[in-house]
Protein backbone atom coordinates (compact mmCIF):
# COMPACT_ATOMS: atom_id res chain seq x y z
CA MET A 1 40.25 83.18 50.98
CA SER A 2 41.71 82.62 54.41
CA GLU A 3 42.96 85.60 56.71
CA PRO A 4 46.57 85.57 56.72
CA ASP A 5 46.69 84.82 60.49
CA ALA A 6 44.81 81.59 59.93
CA ASP A 7 47.35 80.74 57.10
CA LEU A 8 50.29 81.49 59.44
CA ARG A 9 48.99 79.50 62.24
CA ARG A 10 48.31 76.55 60.03
CA ALA A 11 51.85 76.76 58.70
CA ILE A 12 53.34 76.92 62.16
CA GLN A 13 51.20 73.99 63.23
CA ALA A 14 52.47 71.97 60.32
CA VAL A 15 55.93 72.45 61.37
CA VAL A 16 55.16 71.57 64.94
CA ASP A 17 53.48 68.35 63.89
CA ASP A 18 56.46 67.51 61.79
CA VAL A 19 58.80 68.06 64.79
CA ASN A 20 56.48 66.20 67.08
CA ARG A 21 56.79 63.12 64.97
CA GLU A 22 60.59 62.98 65.45
CA VAL A 23 60.56 63.23 69.33
CA SER A 24 59.21 61.31 72.21
CA GLN A 25 55.73 62.33 73.77
CA ALA A 26 57.58 63.85 76.72
CA GLU A 27 59.71 66.11 74.28
CA SER A 28 56.79 67.10 72.16
CA ILE A 29 55.32 70.75 71.84
CA ARG A 30 51.85 70.55 73.24
CA ARG A 31 50.65 74.19 73.12
CA SER A 32 51.82 77.25 71.11
CA ASP A 33 50.90 80.62 69.98
CA VAL A 34 52.06 83.46 67.85
CA VAL A 35 53.05 86.64 69.55
CA ALA A 36 52.54 89.81 66.96
CA ALA A 37 55.81 91.38 67.90
CA GLU A 38 59.49 91.25 66.73
CA PHE A 39 61.72 90.14 69.44
CA ARG A 40 64.70 92.73 69.87
CA VAL A 41 68.29 92.43 71.02
CA ASN A 42 68.73 93.55 74.59
CA GLU A 43 64.78 93.02 75.37
CA GLU A 44 63.77 89.45 74.44
CA LEU A 45 67.12 88.48 72.95
CA THR A 46 70.58 88.57 74.12
CA PRO A 47 73.34 90.19 72.10
CA THR A 48 73.99 86.78 70.57
CA GLU A 49 70.26 86.42 69.63
CA LYS A 50 69.41 83.82 72.22
CA VAL A 51 65.86 84.05 73.78
CA ARG A 52 65.76 85.55 77.45
CA ARG A 53 63.11 82.99 78.41
CA ASP A 54 62.54 84.74 81.73
CA HIS A 55 62.02 88.15 80.12
CA VAL A 56 59.75 86.57 77.63
CA LEU A 57 57.66 84.79 80.25
CA VAL A 58 57.06 87.94 82.17
CA LYS A 59 56.36 90.22 79.19
CA TYR A 60 53.93 87.60 77.62
CA SER A 61 52.58 86.08 80.76
CA ASP A 62 49.00 86.68 79.59
CA VAL A 63 49.57 84.73 76.47
CA VAL A 64 51.21 81.83 78.34
CA GLU A 65 48.55 81.93 81.03
CA SER A 66 45.86 81.67 78.25
CA MET A 67 47.42 78.73 76.75
CA TYR A 68 47.06 76.82 80.04
CA ARG A 69 43.48 77.90 80.60
CA THR A 70 41.92 76.13 77.79
């Protein structure tokens, strides 16, 4: 039996693949990763639960950088 992380990554990749079939290559998702933390309001999310991209990029810069190294 596969480990849950591998199953989760496969499920997410299947959704990404489905989305990529519906958009142009320029709009497609090329790299992704899973962060093992729940985003919280007033940290990674605004009070209306929109992602604070600048905050996420700073907080998870090591994850983002690792996606571009490979």
